[in-house]
Amino acid sequence: MEGQSSHGSQPLPDATRLLIVFYSRSGSTETLANVAAQAAGAEGATVRLRRVREVVDEETMAKSDGWLENAQRQNALYEAATVEDAEWADAILFGTPCYFGVMATELKAYLDRLGPQWKHGALAGKVGGAFATASWPHGGTEIVTLSLYVPMAHLGMVIVPTGYTDEAMLEAGSPYGASAIVGSENRHPRPEDMDAARHQARRTVSIAGALVAAGEMPGRRN
């Protein structure tokens, strides 16, 4: 997806750079990540869609129905997220399923690797947001989204919530970020859920683009 925009097959010279870094076990969070990436690309952004990798071995994954197969499929489709991706981006959206009311261990492991970037202020001033999925209505999507604000604050990022800035947010997600409730059978996110993810991506790109245009994106300064 990197290098694609609504203006043709080549990236715009000053296109906003959006990194979407996510973890998905069953594919629900993956769906929201893809929808967000497509919406951002349609706005002219250059998008990197990256999946963080598992922190357990394949033997452990094989004990959970479908985990290994889904991991292999997704890892073949998406590059692993790197710290260089975070430094490249003007904006970052973090996506995660909810496990016992907290983010996926895999995403937390990626955040833990950003220590050197924190030390040098490499992500300060970049725009950040988060989205989440859960099996049940009280599975933690809001608290997990809010919990991702904490490392973003430590990194000095400009945190951009969705708020109620679009009608989509009256039907799905929360004022903190897009989300989906997918049930124990891991249903496909609803059209309303995907509309919320699209709005979040467009809003993130718009605000990051304004900061770039104003010369206020530290990573773009010579």
N, C-alpha and C. Protein backbone atom coordinates (compact mmCIF):
# COMPACT_ATOMS: atom_id res chain seq x y z
N MET A 1 0.82 -1.20 0.00
CA MET A 1 0.00 0.00 0.00
C MET A 1 0.86 1.25 0.00
N GLU A 2 2.08 1.15 0.50
CA GLU A 2 2.93 2.34 0.54
C GLU A 2 3.15 2.85 -0.87
N GLY A 3 3.04 4.18 -1.02
CA GLY A 3 3.26 4.79 -2.32
C GLY A 3 1.99 4.99 -3.11
N GLN A 4 0.85 4.45 -2.64
CA GLN A 4 -0.39 4.61 -3.36
C GLN A 4 -1.16 5.81 -2.79
N SER A 5 -1.88 6.50 -3.65
CA SER A 5 -2.72 7.59 -3.22
C SER A 5 -3.89 7.72 -4.17
N SER A 6 -4.84 8.58 -3.82
CA SER A 6 -5.99 8.80 -4.67
C SER A 6 -5.64 9.59 -5.92
N HIS A 7 -4.41 10.05 -6.01
CA HIS A 7 -3.99 10.87 -7.13
C HIS A 7 -3.14 10.10 -8.13
N GLY A 8 -3.08 8.79 -8.00
CA GLY A 8 -2.31 8.00 -8.94
C GLY A 8 -1.45 6.98 -8.25
N SER A 9 -0.57 6.33 -9.02
CA SER A 9 0.21 5.23 -8.48
C SER A 9 1.48 5.70 -7.78
N GLN A 10 1.82 6.98 -7.93
CA GLN A 10 3.02 7.50 -7.29
C GLN A 10 2.65 8.34 -6.07
N PRO A 11 3.47 8.29 -5.02
CA PRO A 11 3.17 9.09 -3.84
C PRO A 11 3.31 10.58 -4.13
N LEU A 12 2.49 11.38 -3.45
CA LEU A 12 2.63 12.82 -3.57
C LEU A 12 3.92 13.26 -2.89
N PRO A 13 4.57 14.34 -3.39
CA PRO A 13 5.85 14.76 -2.80
C PRO A 13 5.77 15.03 -1.31
N ASP A 14 4.69 15.67 -0.87
CA ASP A 14 4.54 16.02 0.54
C ASP A 14 3.38 15.26 1.17
N ALA A 15 3.09 14.08 0.67
CA ALA A 15 1.97 13.31 1.20
C ALA A 15 2.19 13.01 2.67
N THR A 16 1.10 13.07 3.42
CA THR A 16 1.17 12.71 4.83
C THR A 16 1.52 11.23 4.96
N ARG A 17 2.41 10.93 5.87
CA ARG A 17 2.86 9.55 6.07
C ARG A 17 2.15 8.94 7.28
N LEU A 18 1.35 7.93 7.01
CA LEU A 18 0.60 7.28 8.07
C LEU A 18 1.08 5.85 8.26
N LEU A 19 1.44 5.52 9.50
CA LEU A 19 1.76 4.15 9.87
C LEU A 19 0.58 3.58 10.64
N ILE A 20 0.08 2.45 10.18
CA ILE A 20 -0.94 1.71 10.92
C ILE A 20 -0.27 0.43 11.40
N VAL A 21 -0.07 0.33 12.69
CA VAL A 21 0.61 -0.83 13.26
C VAL A 21 -0.40 -1.56 14.14
N PHE A 22 -0.61 -2.83 13.85
CA PHE A 22 -1.68 -3.55 14.52
C PHE A 22 -1.27 -4.98 14.85
N TYR A 23 -2.04 -5.57 15.76
CA TYR A 23 -2.00 -7.00 15.98
C TYR A 23 -3.40 -7.54 15.83
N SER A 24 -3.52 -8.69 15.20
CA SER A 24 -4.82 -9.32 15.00
C SER A 24 -4.63 -10.82 15.04
N ARG A 25 -5.43 -11.49 15.88
CA ARG A 25 -5.31 -12.94 15.95
C ARG A 25 -6.31 -13.61 15.01
N SER A 26 -7.56 -13.15 15.03
CA SER A 26 -8.60 -13.80 14.23
C SER A 26 -8.89 -13.09 12.93
N GLY A 27 -8.47 -11.83 12.80
CA GLY A 27 -8.70 -11.08 11.58
C GLY A 27 -9.62 -9.88 11.75
N SER A 28 -10.26 -9.72 12.91
CA SER A 28 -11.18 -8.60 13.11
C SER A 28 -10.44 -7.26 13.16
N THR A 29 -9.37 -7.19 13.94
CA THR A 29 -8.58 -5.96 13.99
C THR A 29 -7.91 -5.71 12.65
N GLU A 30 -7.50 -6.77 11.99
CA GLU A 30 -6.93 -6.65 10.65
C GLU A 30 -7.90 -5.96 9.70
N THR A 31 -9.17 -6.31 9.78
CA THR A 31 -10.17 -5.69 8.91
C THR A 31 -10.26 -4.19 9.14
N LEU A 32 -10.32 -3.77 10.40
CA LEU A 32 -10.36 -2.34 10.70
C LEU A 32 -9.10 -1.63 10.21
N ALA A 33 -7.95 -2.29 10.36
CA ALA A 33 -6.69 -1.70 9.91
C ALA A 33 -6.69 -1.49 8.40
N ASN A 34 -7.20 -2.46 7.67
CA ASN A 34 -7.26 -2.35 6.21
C ASN A 34 -8.21 -1.25 5.77
N VAL A 35 -9.36 -1.18 6.42
CA VAL A 35 -10.34 -0.14 6.09
C VAL A 35 -9.74 1.24 6.33
N ALA A 36 -9.05 1.40 7.46
CA ALA A 36 -8.42 2.68 7.78
C ALA A 36 -7.34 3.02 6.75
N ALA A 37 -6.56 2.02 6.36
CA ALA A 37 -5.50 2.25 5.37
C ALA A 37 -6.08 2.69 4.03
N GLN A 38 -7.15 2.06 3.62
CA GLN A 38 -7.78 2.43 2.35
C GLN A 38 -8.34 3.85 2.38
N ALA A 39 -8.96 4.22 3.50
CA ALA A 39 -9.51 5.56 3.64
C ALA A 39 -8.40 6.61 3.63
N ALA A 40 -7.30 6.32 4.32
CA ALA A 40 -6.17 7.25 4.35
C ALA A 40 -5.55 7.40 2.96
N GLY A 41 -5.41 6.29 2.24
CA GLY A 41 -4.88 6.35 0.89
C GLY A 41 -5.75 7.18 -0.03
N ALA A 42 -7.06 7.06 0.15
CA ALA A 42 -7.99 7.84 -0.67
C ALA A 42 -7.88 9.33 -0.41
N GLU A 43 -7.34 9.70 0.76
CA GLU A 43 -7.11 11.10 1.09
C GLU A 43 -5.76 11.60 0.61
N GLY A 44 -5.00 10.72 -0.06
CA GLY A 44 -3.71 11.12 -0.59
C GLY A 44 -2.53 10.79 0.29
N ALA A 45 -2.76 10.10 1.40
CA ALA A 45 -1.66 9.76 2.30
C ALA A 45 -0.85 8.59 1.76
N THR A 46 0.40 8.54 2.16
CA THR A 46 1.24 7.37 1.94
C THR A 46 1.13 6.52 3.20
N VAL A 47 0.73 5.27 3.04
CA VAL A 47 0.40 4.43 4.18
C VAL A 47 1.32 3.22 4.27
N ARG A 48 1.80 2.97 5.46
CA ARG A 48 2.48 1.71 5.76
C ARG A 48 1.59 0.92 6.71
N LEU A 49 1.18 -0.26 6.28
CA LEU A 49 0.33 -1.14 7.08
C LEU A 49 1.21 -2.27 7.59
N ARG A 50 1.40 -2.34 8.90
CA ARG A 50 2.36 -3.27 9.48
C ARG A 50 1.70 -4.09 10.60
N ARG A 51 2.04 -5.37 10.64
CA ARG A 51 1.54 -6.25 11.69
C ARG A 51 2.68 -6.63 12.63
N VAL A 52 2.49 -6.41 13.93
CA VAL A 52 3.50 -6.86 14.88
C VAL A 52 3.46 -8.38 14.98
N ARG A 53 4.56 -8.97 15.36
CA ARG A 53 4.69 -10.42 15.35
C ARG A 53 4.41 -11.04 16.71
N GLU A 54 4.14 -12.32 16.69
CA GLU A 54 3.88 -13.08 17.90
C GLU A 54 5.11 -13.11 18.81
N VAL A 55 4.84 -13.30 20.09
CA VAL A 55 5.91 -13.40 21.07
C VAL A 55 5.98 -14.80 21.66
N VAL A 56 5.19 -15.73 21.12
CA VAL A 56 5.22 -17.12 21.55
C VAL A 56 5.57 -17.99 20.35
N ASP A 57 5.94 -19.24 20.61
CA ASP A 57 6.34 -20.12 19.51
C ASP A 57 5.12 -20.75 18.83
N GLU A 58 5.36 -21.39 17.70
CA GLU A 58 4.29 -21.97 16.92
C GLU A 58 3.61 -23.13 17.65
N GLU A 59 4.35 -23.84 18.47
CA GLU A 59 3.75 -24.93 19.24
C GLU A 59 2.66 -24.41 20.17
N THR A 60 2.95 -23.28 20.81
CA THR A 60 1.95 -22.67 21.68
C THR A 60 0.76 -22.16 20.88
N MET A 61 1.03 -21.54 19.75
CA MET A 61 -0.04 -21.00 18.92
C MET A 61 -0.95 -22.11 18.39
N ALA A 62 -0.39 -23.25 18.09
CA ALA A 62 -1.16 -24.35 17.53
C ALA A 62 -2.19 -24.90 18.51
N LYS A 63 -2.05 -24.61 19.79
CA LYS A 63 -2.98 -25.10 20.80
C LYS A 63 -4.29 -24.31 20.81
N SER A 64 -4.30 -23.15 20.15
CA SER A 64 -5.50 -22.32 20.08
C SER A 64 -6.05 -22.38 18.66
N ASP A 65 -7.30 -22.74 18.52
CA ASP A 65 -7.91 -22.97 17.22
C ASP A 65 -7.75 -21.77 16.29
N GLY A 66 -7.08 -22.00 15.17
CA GLY A 66 -6.95 -20.99 14.12
C GLY A 66 -5.85 -19.97 14.30
N TRP A 67 -5.24 -19.93 15.48
CA TRP A 67 -4.23 -18.89 15.75
C TRP A 67 -3.03 -19.01 14.81
N LEU A 68 -2.46 -20.19 14.73
CA LEU A 68 -1.27 -20.38 13.90
C LEU A 68 -1.57 -20.11 12.44
N GLU A 69 -2.69 -20.64 11.96
CA GLU A 69 -3.04 -20.46 10.54
C GLU A 69 -3.26 -18.98 10.20
N ASN A 70 -3.95 -18.27 11.09
CA ASN A 70 -4.17 -16.85 10.85
C ASN A 70 -2.87 -16.05 10.91
N ALA A 71 -2.00 -16.42 11.84
CA ALA A 71 -0.71 -15.72 11.95
C ALA A 71 0.12 -15.92 10.69
N GLN A 72 0.17 -17.14 10.20
CA GLN A 72 0.94 -17.41 8.99
C GLN A 72 0.38 -16.65 7.79
N ARG A 73 -0.95 -16.62 7.68
CA ARG A 73 -1.58 -15.90 6.57
C ARG A 73 -1.26 -14.41 6.65
N GLN A 74 -1.44 -13.83 7.83
CA GLN A 74 -1.23 -12.38 7.96
C GLN A 74 0.25 -12.01 7.82
N ASN A 75 1.12 -12.82 8.38
CA ASN A 75 2.55 -12.50 8.29
C ASN A 75 3.07 -12.58 6.86
N ALA A 76 2.37 -13.35 6.02
CA ALA A 76 2.73 -13.39 4.60
C ALA A 76 2.24 -12.15 3.87
N LEU A 77 1.22 -11.49 4.43
CA LEU A 77 0.63 -10.32 3.78
C LEU A 77 1.25 -9.01 4.22
N TYR A 78 1.66 -8.93 5.48
CA TYR A 78 2.10 -7.66 6.05
C TYR A 78 3.52 -7.76 6.59
N GLU A 79 4.30 -6.75 6.31
CA GLU A 79 5.64 -6.68 6.88
C GLU A 79 5.55 -6.48 8.38
N ALA A 80 6.57 -6.91 9.09
CA ALA A 80 6.64 -6.68 10.53
C ALA A 80 6.90 -5.21 10.80
N ALA A 81 6.27 -4.68 11.83
CA ALA A 81 6.49 -3.29 12.21
C ALA A 81 7.89 -3.11 12.77
N THR A 82 8.56 -2.04 12.37
CA THR A 82 9.90 -1.73 12.86
C THR A 82 9.90 -0.36 13.53
N VAL A 83 10.93 -0.08 14.29
CA VAL A 83 11.04 1.24 14.90
C VAL A 83 11.31 2.29 13.82
N GLU A 84 11.93 1.88 12.73
CA GLU A 84 12.17 2.81 11.62
C GLU A 84 10.85 3.27 11.00
N ASP A 85 9.84 2.38 10.98
CA ASP A 85 8.53 2.78 10.49
C ASP A 85 7.96 3.92 11.32
N ALA A 86 8.12 3.81 12.64
CA ALA A 86 7.60 4.85 13.53
C ALA A 86 8.32 6.18 13.31
N GLU A 87 9.62 6.13 13.08
CA GLU A 87 10.37 7.36 12.84
C GLU A 87 9.97 7.99 11.51
N TRP A 88 9.65 7.16 10.52
CA TRP A 88 9.25 7.64 9.19
C TRP A 88 7.91 8.36 9.22
N ALA A 89 7.00 7.91 10.04
CA ALA A 89 5.61 8.36 9.99
C ALA A 89 5.42 9.78 10.50
N ASP A 90 4.40 10.45 9.95
CA ASP A 90 3.90 11.69 10.53
C ASP A 90 2.80 11.39 11.55
N ALA A 91 2.13 10.26 11.36
CA ALA A 91 1.03 9.86 12.24
C ALA A 91 1.03 8.35 12.39
N ILE A 92 0.61 7.89 13.55
CA ILE A 92 0.57 6.45 13.81
C ILE A 92 -0.79 6.10 14.42
N LEU A 93 -1.43 5.08 13.85
CA LEU A 93 -2.63 4.49 14.46
C LEU A 93 -2.26 3.10 14.95
N PHE A 94 -2.54 2.86 16.22
CA PHE A 94 -2.27 1.56 16.83
C PHE A 94 -3.58 0.79 16.94
N GLY A 95 -3.58 -0.46 16.47
CA GLY A 95 -4.77 -1.28 16.54
C GLY A 95 -4.54 -2.58 17.29
N THR A 96 -5.48 -2.97 18.14
CA THR A 96 -5.29 -4.16 18.96
C THR A 96 -6.61 -4.81 19.34
N PRO A 97 -6.62 -6.12 19.49
CA PRO A 97 -7.74 -6.76 20.19
C PRO A 97 -7.58 -6.54 21.70
N CYS A 98 -8.64 -6.80 22.44
CA CYS A 98 -8.61 -6.66 23.89
C CYS A 98 -8.53 -8.03 24.54
N TYR A 99 -7.58 -8.21 25.42
CA TYR A 99 -7.44 -9.45 26.18
C TYR A 99 -7.47 -9.12 27.66
N PHE A 100 -8.52 -9.54 28.36
CA PHE A 100 -8.67 -9.24 29.78
C PHE A 100 -8.55 -7.74 30.06
N GLY A 101 -9.08 -6.94 29.14
CA GLY A 101 -9.09 -5.50 29.35
C GLY A 101 -7.79 -4.79 29.09
N VAL A 102 -6.84 -5.45 28.45
CA VAL A 102 -5.57 -4.80 28.11
C VAL A 102 -5.23 -5.07 26.65
N MET A 103 -4.28 -4.31 26.13
CA MET A 103 -3.85 -4.49 24.74
C MET A 103 -3.14 -5.82 24.56
N ALA A 104 -3.02 -6.27 23.33
CA ALA A 104 -2.29 -7.50 23.02
C ALA A 104 -0.84 -7.38 23.44
N THR A 105 -0.31 -8.45 23.99
CA THR A 105 1.10 -8.49 24.40
C THR A 105 2.01 -8.16 23.23
N GLU A 106 1.62 -8.59 22.05
CA GLU A 106 2.44 -8.36 20.86
C GLU A 106 2.60 -6.87 20.56
N LEU A 107 1.51 -6.12 20.71
CA LEU A 107 1.60 -4.67 20.47
C LEU A 107 2.40 -4.01 21.58
N LYS A 108 2.20 -4.45 22.82
CA LYS A 108 2.97 -3.89 23.94
C LYS A 108 4.46 -4.14 23.73
N ALA A 109 4.82 -5.31 23.20
CA ALA A 109 6.23 -5.60 22.94
C ALA A 109 6.82 -4.63 21.92
N TYR A 110 6.01 -4.26 20.92
CA TYR A 110 6.49 -3.28 19.94
C TYR A 110 6.70 -1.92 20.60
N LEU A 111 5.74 -1.50 21.40
CA LEU A 111 5.88 -0.22 22.09
C LEU A 111 7.11 -0.21 22.99
N ASP A 112 7.40 -1.33 23.63
CA ASP A 112 8.55 -1.42 24.52
C ASP A 112 9.88 -1.25 23.77
N ARG A 113 9.85 -1.49 22.46
CA ARG A 113 11.08 -1.33 21.66
C ARG A 113 11.35 0.12 21.31
N LEU A 114 10.43 1.02 21.63
CA LEU A 114 10.58 2.42 21.24
C LEU A 114 11.33 3.25 22.28
N GLY A 115 11.99 2.59 23.22
CA GLY A 115 12.74 3.30 24.24
C GLY A 115 13.76 4.28 23.67
N PRO A 116 14.61 3.86 22.72
CA PRO A 116 15.58 4.80 22.16
C PRO A 116 14.91 6.00 21.47
N GLN A 117 13.77 5.76 20.83
CA GLN A 117 13.04 6.85 20.18
C GLN A 117 12.49 7.82 21.23
N TRP A 118 12.02 7.27 22.37
CA TRP A 118 11.58 8.13 23.46
C TRP A 118 12.74 8.97 23.98
N LYS A 119 13.89 8.34 24.17
CA LYS A 119 15.05 9.03 24.75
C LYS A 119 15.47 10.21 23.90
N HIS A 120 15.38 10.04 22.58
CA HIS A 120 15.84 11.09 21.67
C HIS A 120 14.71 11.97 21.16
N GLY A 121 13.49 11.73 21.63
CA GLY A 121 12.37 12.55 21.20
C GLY A 121 12.00 12.36 19.75
N ALA A 122 12.29 11.18 19.20
CA ALA A 122 12.09 10.96 17.77
C ALA A 122 10.63 10.93 17.36
N LEU A 123 9.73 10.64 18.28
CA LEU A 123 8.31 10.58 17.94
C LEU A 123 7.53 11.78 18.47
N ALA A 124 8.20 12.68 19.15
CA ALA A 124 7.54 13.86 19.70
C ALA A 124 6.96 14.71 18.57
N GLY A 125 5.71 15.09 18.72
CA GLY A 125 5.06 15.93 17.71
C GLY A 125 4.32 15.15 16.65
N LYS A 126 4.52 13.85 16.57
CA LYS A 126 3.77 13.04 15.62
C LYS A 126 2.35 12.83 16.14
N VAL A 127 1.41 12.65 15.23
CA VAL A 127 0.01 12.47 15.60
C VAL A 127 -0.24 11.00 15.91
N GLY A 128 -1.02 10.72 16.96
CA GLY A 128 -1.29 9.34 17.35
C GLY A 128 -2.75 9.10 17.66
N GLY A 129 -3.20 7.86 17.40
CA GLY A 129 -4.55 7.43 17.73
C GLY A 129 -4.58 5.93 17.88
N ALA A 130 -5.73 5.40 18.30
CA ALA A 130 -5.82 3.97 18.55
C ALA A 130 -7.22 3.46 18.25
N PHE A 131 -7.30 2.17 17.91
CA PHE A 131 -8.58 1.50 17.72
C PHE A 131 -8.47 0.08 18.27
N ALA A 132 -9.62 -0.53 18.56
CA ALA A 132 -9.60 -1.82 19.25
C ALA A 132 -10.81 -2.67 18.89
N THR A 133 -10.68 -3.97 19.12
CA THR A 133 -11.79 -4.91 18.94
C THR A 133 -11.89 -5.78 20.19
N ALA A 134 -13.10 -6.29 20.43
CA ALA A 134 -13.32 -7.18 21.57
C ALA A 134 -14.46 -8.13 21.23
N SER A 135 -14.53 -9.21 21.97
CA SER A 135 -15.59 -10.19 21.75
C SER A 135 -16.93 -9.73 22.30
N TRP A 136 -16.90 -8.97 23.42
CA TRP A 136 -18.13 -8.64 24.13
C TRP A 136 -18.24 -7.14 24.34
N PRO A 137 -19.48 -6.63 24.51
CA PRO A 137 -19.67 -5.19 24.70
C PRO A 137 -18.87 -4.61 25.85
N HIS A 138 -18.61 -5.41 26.89
CA HIS A 138 -17.82 -4.91 28.02
C HIS A 138 -16.44 -5.54 28.03
N GLY A 139 -15.93 -5.81 26.83
CA GLY A 139 -14.64 -6.48 26.71
C GLY A 139 -13.43 -5.58 26.82
N GLY A 140 -13.65 -4.25 26.91
CA GLY A 140 -12.53 -3.36 27.18
C GLY A 140 -12.10 -2.44 26.06
N THR A 141 -12.90 -2.30 24.99
CA THR A 141 -12.42 -1.48 23.86
C THR A 141 -12.11 -0.05 24.26
N GLU A 142 -12.96 0.54 25.10
CA GLU A 142 -12.72 1.93 25.47
C GLU A 142 -11.49 2.07 26.37
N ILE A 143 -11.39 1.21 27.38
CA ILE A 143 -10.27 1.34 28.31
C ILE A 143 -8.95 0.98 27.63
N VAL A 144 -8.98 0.02 26.70
CA VAL A 144 -7.75 -0.33 26.00
C VAL A 144 -7.32 0.79 25.06
N THR A 145 -8.29 1.40 24.37
CA THR A 145 -7.95 2.55 23.54
C THR A 145 -7.34 3.66 24.37
N LEU A 146 -7.96 3.95 25.51
CA LEU A 146 -7.42 4.98 26.39
C LEU A 146 -6.05 4.60 26.93
N SER A 147 -5.83 3.31 27.20
CA SER A 147 -4.54 2.89 27.73
C SER A 147 -3.41 3.14 26.73
N LEU A 148 -3.74 3.12 25.46
CA LEU A 148 -2.72 3.38 24.44
C LEU A 148 -2.35 4.87 24.39
N TYR A 149 -3.20 5.72 24.95
CA TYR A 149 -2.85 7.13 25.05
C TYR A 149 -1.63 7.33 25.96
N VAL A 150 -1.46 6.44 26.93
CA VAL A 150 -0.40 6.63 27.92
C VAL A 150 0.99 6.55 27.29
N PRO A 151 1.34 5.47 26.57
CA PRO A 151 2.66 5.48 25.93
C PRO A 151 2.80 6.58 24.88
N MET A 152 1.71 6.94 24.22
CA MET A 152 1.78 8.03 23.25
C MET A 152 2.14 9.34 23.95
N ALA A 153 1.58 9.55 25.15
CA ALA A 153 1.91 10.76 25.91
C ALA A 153 3.38 10.76 26.32
N HIS A 154 3.89 9.62 26.75
CA HIS A 154 5.30 9.53 27.14
C HIS A 154 6.22 9.80 25.95
N LEU A 155 5.77 9.41 24.76
CA LEU A 155 6.56 9.64 23.56
C LEU A 155 6.42 11.06 23.03
N GLY A 156 5.52 11.84 23.63
CA GLY A 156 5.35 13.23 23.21
C GLY A 156 4.50 13.40 21.98
N MET A 157 3.68 12.40 21.67
CA MET A 157 2.86 12.48 20.47
C MET A 157 1.65 13.39 20.69
N VAL A 158 1.10 13.88 19.60
CA VAL A 158 -0.12 14.68 19.62
C VAL A 158 -1.29 13.71 19.50
N ILE A 159 -1.98 13.45 20.59
CA ILE A 159 -3.03 12.43 20.62
C ILE A 159 -4.32 13.01 20.04
N VAL A 160 -4.85 12.33 19.04
CA VAL A 160 -6.06 12.81 18.36
C VAL A 160 -7.18 11.78 18.54
N PRO A 161 -8.13 12.05 19.42
CA PRO A 161 -9.28 11.17 19.56
C PRO A 161 -10.27 11.43 18.42
N THR A 162 -11.18 10.51 18.23
CA THR A 162 -12.19 10.71 17.20
C THR A 162 -13.23 11.72 17.63
N GLY A 163 -13.53 11.76 18.94
CA GLY A 163 -14.61 12.62 19.40
C GLY A 163 -15.92 12.23 18.70
N TYR A 164 -16.86 13.15 18.70
CA TYR A 164 -18.09 12.97 17.93
C TYR A 164 -18.03 13.92 16.74
N THR A 165 -16.96 13.79 15.97
CA THR A 165 -16.69 14.72 14.88
C THR A 165 -17.25 14.25 13.54
N ASP A 166 -18.00 13.16 13.57
CA ASP A 166 -18.64 12.65 12.36
C ASP A 166 -19.83 11.80 12.80
N GLU A 167 -20.85 11.74 11.95
CA GLU A 167 -22.02 10.93 12.29
C GLU A 167 -21.67 9.47 12.52
N ALA A 168 -20.59 9.01 11.90
CA ALA A 168 -20.18 7.61 12.08
C ALA A 168 -19.93 7.30 13.55
N MET A 169 -19.46 8.29 14.30
CA MET A 169 -19.12 8.06 15.69
C MET A 169 -20.36 8.01 16.60
N LEU A 170 -21.51 8.33 16.05
CA LEU A 170 -22.75 8.19 16.80
C LEU A 170 -23.31 6.78 16.70
N GLU A 171 -22.76 6.01 15.76
CA GLU A 171 -23.28 4.66 15.50
C GLU A 171 -22.31 3.56 15.93
N ALA A 172 -21.05 3.88 16.09
CA ALA A 172 -20.05 2.84 16.39
C ALA A 172 -18.83 3.47 17.04
N GLY A 173 -17.96 2.63 17.56
CA GLY A 173 -16.74 3.10 18.18
C GLY A 173 -17.03 3.88 19.45
N SER A 174 -16.13 4.80 19.77
CA SER A 174 -16.28 5.65 20.95
C SER A 174 -15.60 6.97 20.63
N PRO A 175 -15.76 7.98 21.49
CA PRO A 175 -15.05 9.24 21.24
C PRO A 175 -13.54 9.11 21.35
N TYR A 176 -13.07 7.94 21.77
CA TYR A 176 -11.63 7.72 21.94
C TYR A 176 -10.99 7.06 20.72
N GLY A 177 -11.79 6.32 19.95
CA GLY A 177 -11.25 5.64 18.77
C GLY A 177 -12.25 4.65 18.22
N ALA A 178 -12.02 4.22 17.00
CA ALA A 178 -12.89 3.22 16.37
C ALA A 178 -12.78 1.90 17.12
N SER A 179 -13.84 1.10 17.03
CA SER A 179 -13.82 -0.21 17.68
C SER A 179 -14.87 -1.11 17.06
N ALA A 180 -14.81 -2.39 17.40
CA ALA A 180 -15.81 -3.35 16.94
C ALA A 180 -16.00 -4.42 17.99
N ILE A 181 -17.24 -4.86 18.17
CA ILE A 181 -17.57 -5.99 19.03
C ILE A 181 -17.91 -7.15 18.10
N VAL A 182 -17.15 -8.22 18.18
CA VAL A 182 -17.25 -9.27 17.14
C VAL A 182 -17.78 -10.61 17.65
N GLY A 183 -18.06 -10.72 18.94
CA GLY A 183 -18.61 -11.96 19.47
C GLY A 183 -17.57 -13.06 19.57
N SER A 184 -17.96 -14.13 20.23
CA SER A 184 -17.03 -15.25 20.42
C SER A 184 -16.69 -15.93 19.11
N GLU A 185 -17.55 -15.75 18.10
CA GLU A 185 -17.28 -16.37 16.79
C GLU A 185 -16.46 -15.47 15.88
N ASN A 186 -16.01 -14.33 16.41
CA ASN A 186 -15.18 -13.39 15.65
C ASN A 186 -15.84 -12.98 14.34
N ARG A 187 -17.03 -12.40 14.47
CA ARG A 187 -17.76 -11.92 13.30
C ARG A 187 -16.97 -10.81 12.61
N HIS A 188 -17.31 -10.58 11.35
CA HIS A 188 -16.75 -9.47 10.60
C HIS A 188 -17.25 -8.17 11.24
N PRO A 189 -16.42 -7.15 11.37
CA PRO A 189 -16.91 -5.87 11.88
C PRO A 189 -18.09 -5.36 11.04
N ARG A 190 -19.01 -4.70 11.69
CA ARG A 190 -20.20 -4.19 11.01
C ARG A 190 -19.82 -3.04 10.07
N PRO A 191 -20.69 -2.73 9.10
CA PRO A 191 -20.44 -1.55 8.25
C PRO A 191 -20.26 -0.28 9.08
N GLU A 192 -21.03 -0.15 10.17
CA GLU A 192 -20.89 1.03 11.03
C GLU A 192 -19.51 1.09 11.68
N ASP A 193 -18.99 -0.06 12.08
CA ASP A 193 -17.66 -0.12 12.68
C ASP A 193 -16.60 0.34 11.68
N MET A 194 -16.77 -0.11 10.44
CA MET A 194 -15.80 0.24 9.41
C MET A 194 -15.89 1.72 9.04
N ASP A 195 -17.11 2.28 9.08
CA ASP A 195 -17.26 3.72 8.84
C ASP A 195 -16.51 4.53 9.90
N ALA A 196 -16.58 4.07 11.15
CA ALA A 196 -15.86 4.76 12.22
C ALA A 196 -14.36 4.70 12.00
N ALA A 197 -13.86 3.55 11.54
CA ALA A 197 -12.42 3.41 11.25
C ALA A 197 -12.02 4.30 10.10
N ARG A 198 -12.87 4.42 9.10
CA ARG A 198 -12.56 5.31 7.97
C ARG A 198 -12.48 6.77 8.43
N HIS A 199 -13.44 7.15 9.26
CA HIS A 199 -13.43 8.53 9.76
C HIS A 199 -12.18 8.79 10.59
N GLN A 200 -11.81 7.85 11.43
CA GLN A 200 -10.62 8.04 12.25
C GLN A 200 -9.39 8.23 11.38
N ALA A 201 -9.26 7.43 10.33
CA ALA A 201 -8.10 7.55 9.45
C ALA A 201 -8.09 8.90 8.74
N ARG A 202 -9.24 9.32 8.23
CA ARG A 202 -9.30 10.61 7.53
C ARG A 202 -8.97 11.76 8.48
N ARG A 203 -9.51 11.71 9.69
CA ARG A 203 -9.26 12.77 10.67
C ARG A 203 -7.78 12.81 11.06
N THR A 204 -7.18 11.66 11.25
CA THR A 204 -5.77 11.58 11.61
C THR A 204 -4.89 12.16 10.50
N VAL A 205 -5.19 11.77 9.27
CA VAL A 205 -4.42 12.27 8.12
C VAL A 205 -4.58 13.78 7.97
N SER A 206 -5.80 14.27 8.15
CA SER A 206 -6.06 15.70 8.00
C SER A 206 -5.26 16.53 9.01
N ILE A 207 -5.27 16.11 10.26
CA ILE A 207 -4.57 16.88 11.30
C ILE A 207 -3.06 16.76 11.14
N ALA A 208 -2.58 15.55 10.83
CA ALA A 208 -1.14 15.39 10.60
C ALA A 208 -0.70 16.20 9.39
N GLY A 209 -1.53 16.20 8.34
CA GLY A 209 -1.19 16.97 7.14
C GLY A 209 -1.11 18.46 7.41
N ALA A 210 -1.99 18.95 8.27
CA ALA A 210 -1.96 20.37 8.61
C ALA A 210 -0.68 20.72 9.36
N LEU A 211 -0.24 19.82 10.24
CA LEU A 211 1.01 20.06 10.97
C LEU A 211 2.21 20.03 10.03
N VAL A 212 2.18 19.10 9.07
CA VAL A 212 3.27 19.05 8.08
C VAL A 212 3.30 20.34 7.27
N ALA A 213 2.14 20.78 6.79
CA ALA A 213 2.06 21.99 5.96
C ALA A 213 2.50 23.23 6.72
N ALA A 214 2.26 23.24 8.03
CA ALA A 214 2.63 24.39 8.86
C ALA A 214 4.08 24.35 9.31
N GLY A 215 4.80 23.30 8.92
CA GLY A 215 6.18 23.16 9.34
C GLY A 215 6.34 22.76 10.78
N GLU A 216 5.28 22.16 11.35
CA GLU A 216 5.29 21.80 12.76
C GLU A 216 5.49 20.30 12.99
N MET A 217 5.89 19.57 11.96
CA MET A 217 6.15 18.13 12.12
C MET A 217 7.64 17.95 12.28
N PRO A 218 8.11 17.68 13.51
CA PRO A 218 9.56 17.65 13.77
C PRO A 218 10.33 16.73 12.85
N GLY A 219 9.77 15.58 12.52
CA GLY A 219 10.48 14.62 11.69
C GLY A 219 10.71 15.09 10.27
N ARG A 220 10.03 16.13 9.86
CA ARG A 220 10.18 16.65 8.50
C ARG A 220 11.20 17.79 8.41
N ARG A 221 11.64 18.27 9.57
CA ARG A 221 12.58 19.40 9.54
C ARG A 221 13.97 18.94 9.20
N ASN A 222 14.67 19.75 8.45
CA ASN A 222 16.06 19.44 8.10
C ASN A 222 16.96 19.71 9.30
